[in-house]
Amino acid sequence: MSKFFDQITSELTQFIRAQKVFFVATAAPEGRINLSPKGMDTFRVLDEKRVAYLDLTGSGNETAAHLLRDGRITIMFCSFDSNAEIARIYGRGVAIRPDHARWPELIANFPKLPGIRQVMEIRVESAMTSCGYAVPRMREMTPRDTLEKYWTKKGELGKEEYWQKHNLRSVDGLPTGMRETKS
């Protein structure tokens, strides 16, 4: 049986903290819907009406483009262990980057990882829990260090160059809010 909430409860916070992976879904009014898996200890419940996740540099920047255009975001947590439960957070989000006045406040909540691009801050409009009876159990989920190794090797300059080539526009051509730099 689904339960709806107008804020993040302490029980939801506890469930969220126990999950090793979460999924982010966004869409602009036009174009593709984006759904991305996330992990690496990058999600935080800031308070009962705000959550955030540390966004590391990836192949695209769809979430930022969609948030800039529309703002809607859904986060899903799914238990893959013996607890058959799913939790979703529905809200409106913004991408906060290192040049934003609130960056120091938000980045302080996360571990220092290579490849940091932005923090996605979400204002919670509602949340829900539901069963996960059809979700398979997985015995072992172990972290990958591939992304950390990649951005450690590339360094800050390599990350900036990658942003300019791959992260300024979404796959549908929407701006992501990241600024083009002059070479």
Protein backbone atom coordinates (compact mmCIF):
# COMPACT_ATOMS: atom_id res chain seq x y z
CA MET A 1 0.00 0.00 0.00
CA SER A 2 1.42 3.38 -1.00
CA LYS A 3 1.80 6.12 1.58
CA PHE A 4 2.14 9.80 0.66
CA PHE A 5 3.97 12.45 2.68
CA ASP A 6 4.31 16.21 2.30
CA GLN A 7 7.84 16.12 3.66
CA ILE A 8 10.75 13.78 4.37
CA THR A 9 10.09 11.88 7.59
CA SER A 10 12.73 10.40 9.87
CA GLU A 11 11.72 6.91 8.65
CA LEU A 12 12.18 7.96 5.02
CA THR A 13 15.55 9.51 5.89
CA GLN A 14 16.68 6.27 7.49
CA PHE A 15 15.56 4.23 4.45
CA ILE A 16 17.26 6.66 2.02
CA ARG A 17 20.56 6.54 3.91
CA ALA A 18 20.60 2.74 3.70
CA GLN A 19 20.40 2.65 -0.11
CA LYS A 20 23.54 2.34 -2.23
CA VAL A 21 21.93 3.59 -5.45
CA PHE A 22 19.24 6.06 -6.43
CA PHE A 23 17.64 7.11 -9.69
CA VAL A 24 16.95 10.63 -10.98
CA ALA A 25 14.22 11.38 -13.53
CA THR A 26 13.65 14.74 -15.24
CA ALA A 27 12.03 16.04 -18.40
CA ALA A 28 11.68 19.31 -20.24
CA PRO A 29 8.28 20.12 -21.80
CA GLU A 30 9.71 18.85 -25.10
CA GLY A 31 12.30 16.22 -25.94
CA ARG A 32 13.45 13.11 -24.17
CA ILE A 33 12.78 12.04 -20.59
CA ASN A 34 16.03 11.45 -18.73
CA LEU A 35 16.55 8.72 -16.13
CA SER A 36 19.95 8.35 -14.51
CA PRO A 37 21.35 6.00 -11.85
CA LYS A 38 23.51 7.57 -9.13
CA GLY A 39 25.59 6.30 -6.23
CA MET A 40 28.90 6.90 -4.39
CA ASP A 41 27.54 8.42 -1.15
CA THR A 42 26.30 11.51 -3.01
CA PHE A 43 22.75 11.98 -1.65
CA ARG A 44 21.82 14.05 1.41
CA VAL A 45 18.59 14.86 3.21
CA LEU A 46 19.22 18.48 4.25
CA ASP A 47 15.93 18.87 6.13
CA GLU A 48 12.33 17.69 5.83
CA LYS A 49 11.69 19.90 2.78
CA ARG A 50 15.10 19.90 1.05
CA VAL A 51 17.38 17.23 -0.35
CA ALA A 52 20.48 17.45 -2.51
CA TYR A 53 22.88 15.28 -4.39
CA LEU A 54 26.43 15.80 -5.54
CA ASP A 55 26.52 15.64 -9.33
CA LEU A 56 29.76 14.33 -10.77
CA THR A 57 30.83 14.98 -14.34
CA GLY A 58 29.33 12.45 -16.71
CA SER A 59 28.70 11.86 -20.37
CA GLY A 60 25.90 14.43 -20.50
CA ASN A 61 24.24 17.06 -18.35
CA GLU A 62 20.56 16.31 -19.00
CA THR A 63 19.33 16.88 -15.47
CA ALA A 64 20.75 20.42 -15.36
CA ALA A 65 19.16 21.27 -18.72
CA HIS A 66 15.79 19.92 -17.65
CA LEU A 67 15.86 21.68 -14.28
CA LEU A 68 16.77 24.95 -15.97
CA ARG A 69 13.90 24.57 -18.44
CA ASP A 70 11.21 23.00 -16.25
CA GLY A 71 12.41 22.34 -12.68
CA ARG A 72 10.52 19.09 -12.09
CA ILE A 73 12.47 16.15 -10.69
CA THR A 74 11.72 12.74 -9.23
CA ILE A 75 14.22 10.78 -7.15
CA MET A 76 13.64 7.06 -6.58
CA PHE A 77 15.28 4.80 -4.02
CA CYS A 78 14.76 1.07 -4.35
CA SER A 79 15.78 -1.52 -1.80
CA PHE A 80 17.55 -4.50 -3.33
CA ASP A 81 17.91 -6.38 -0.03
CA SER A 82 15.30 -8.21 2.07
CA ASN A 83 13.28 -5.01 2.65
CA ALA A 84 10.92 -4.81 -0.36
CA GLU A 85 10.40 -1.05 -0.39
CA ILE A 86 10.57 1.87 -2.82
CA ALA A 87 10.62 5.57 -1.95
CA ARG A 88 10.14 8.48 -4.31
CA ILE A 89 10.72 12.17 -3.77
CA TYR A 90 8.90 14.63 -6.03
CA GLY A 91 10.01 18.22 -6.22
CA ARG A 92 11.58 21.13 -8.00
CA GLY A 93 15.31 21.38 -8.38
CA VAL A 94 18.12 23.71 -9.31
CA ALA A 95 21.75 23.12 -10.20
CA ILE A 96 24.13 24.96 -7.86
CA ARG A 97 27.63 25.37 -9.27
CA PRO A 98 30.94 26.46 -7.71
CA ASP A 99 30.41 30.12 -8.71
CA HIS A 100 27.05 30.32 -6.86
CA ALA A 101 26.91 32.13 -3.49
CA ARG A 102 25.37 29.06 -1.82
CA TRP A 103 28.03 26.63 -3.08
CA PRO A 104 30.11 26.59 0.14
CA GLU A 105 27.01 25.82 2.24
CA LEU A 106 25.93 22.92 0.03
CA ILE A 107 29.27 21.37 -0.91
CA ALA A 108 30.16 21.09 2.79
CA ASN A 109 27.63 18.22 3.04
CA PHE A 110 29.51 15.93 0.67
CA PRO A 111 32.80 14.06 0.44
CA LYS A 112 35.51 15.60 -1.72
CA LEU A 113 35.48 13.57 -4.93
CA PRO A 114 37.21 14.11 -8.28
CA GLY A 115 34.98 15.27 -11.13
CA ILE A 116 32.56 17.38 -9.08
CA ARG A 117 30.36 19.41 -11.44
CA GLN A 118 27.44 20.77 -9.39
CA VAL A 119 25.06 20.10 -6.52
CA MET A 120 21.44 19.46 -7.40
CA GLU A 121 19.25 20.97 -4.69
CA ILE A 122 15.64 19.81 -4.60
CA ARG A 123 12.72 21.46 -2.81
CA VAL A 124 10.51 18.56 -1.73
CA GLU A 125 6.86 18.89 -2.76
CA SER A 126 5.87 15.35 -1.74
CA ALA A 127 7.23 11.87 -1.15
CA MET A 128 5.77 8.41 -1.26
CA THR A 129 6.64 4.88 -0.33
CA SER A 130 5.40 1.76 -2.07
CA CYS A 131 6.15 -1.94 -2.14
CA GLY A 132 9.03 -3.32 -4.11
CA TYR A 133 7.72 -6.89 -4.29
CA ALA A 134 8.73 -7.34 -7.94
CA VAL A 135 12.25 -5.90 -7.45
CA PRO A 136 14.86 -8.67 -7.29
CA ARG A 137 17.15 -9.12 -4.30
CA MET A 138 20.81 -8.59 -4.96
CA ARG A 139 23.24 -10.21 -2.63
CA GLU A 140 26.14 -7.87 -3.08
CA MET A 141 26.47 -4.31 -4.27
CA THR A 142 30.01 -3.08 -4.21
CA PRO A 143 31.16 0.40 -5.16
CA ARG A 144 33.00 1.10 -8.40
CA ASP A 145 36.01 3.38 -8.37
CA THR A 146 36.15 3.85 -12.16
CA LEU A 147 34.74 7.40 -12.18
CA GLU A 148 37.01 8.55 -9.36
CA LYS A 149 40.09 7.13 -11.10
CA TYR A 150 39.07 8.68 -14.43
CA TRP A 151 38.64 12.23 -13.05
CA THR A 152 41.71 11.97 -10.83
CA LYS A 153 43.76 11.13 -13.94
CA LYS A 154 42.09 13.85 -16.09
CA GLY A 155 42.48 16.56 -13.44
CA GLU A 156 40.74 19.94 -13.28
CA LEU A 157 41.86 21.11 -16.73
CA GLY A 158 40.67 17.86 -18.33
CA LYS A 159 37.35 18.19 -16.53
CA GLU A 160 36.86 21.78 -17.76
CA GLU A 161 37.69 20.74 -21.33
CA TYR A 162 35.22 17.86 -21.08
CA TRP A 163 32.48 20.21 -19.84
CA GLN A 164 33.00 22.47 -22.85
CA LYS A 165 32.73 19.57 -25.26
CA HIS A 166 29.97 17.46 -23.63
CA ASN A 167 28.10 19.34 -20.88
CA LEU A 168 26.94 22.73 -22.26
CA ARG A 169 23.83 21.38 -24.02
CA SER A 170 21.50 18.42 -23.51
CA VAL A 171 21.05 15.70 -26.13
CA ASP A 172 18.00 17.69 -27.28
CA GLY A 173 20.09 20.86 -27.63
CA LEU A 174 18.81 22.59 -24.48
CA PRO A 175 21.28 24.77 -22.55
CA THR A 176 22.46 23.30 -19.26
CA GLY A 177 23.35 26.60 -17.61
CA MET A 178 27.07 25.89 -17.71
CA ARG A 179 29.02 28.74 -19.26
CA GLU A 180 31.12 28.41 -22.34
CA THR A 181 34.69 29.48 -21.68
CA LYS A 182 36.89 31.25 -24.21
CA SER A 183 40.09 29.42 -25.04
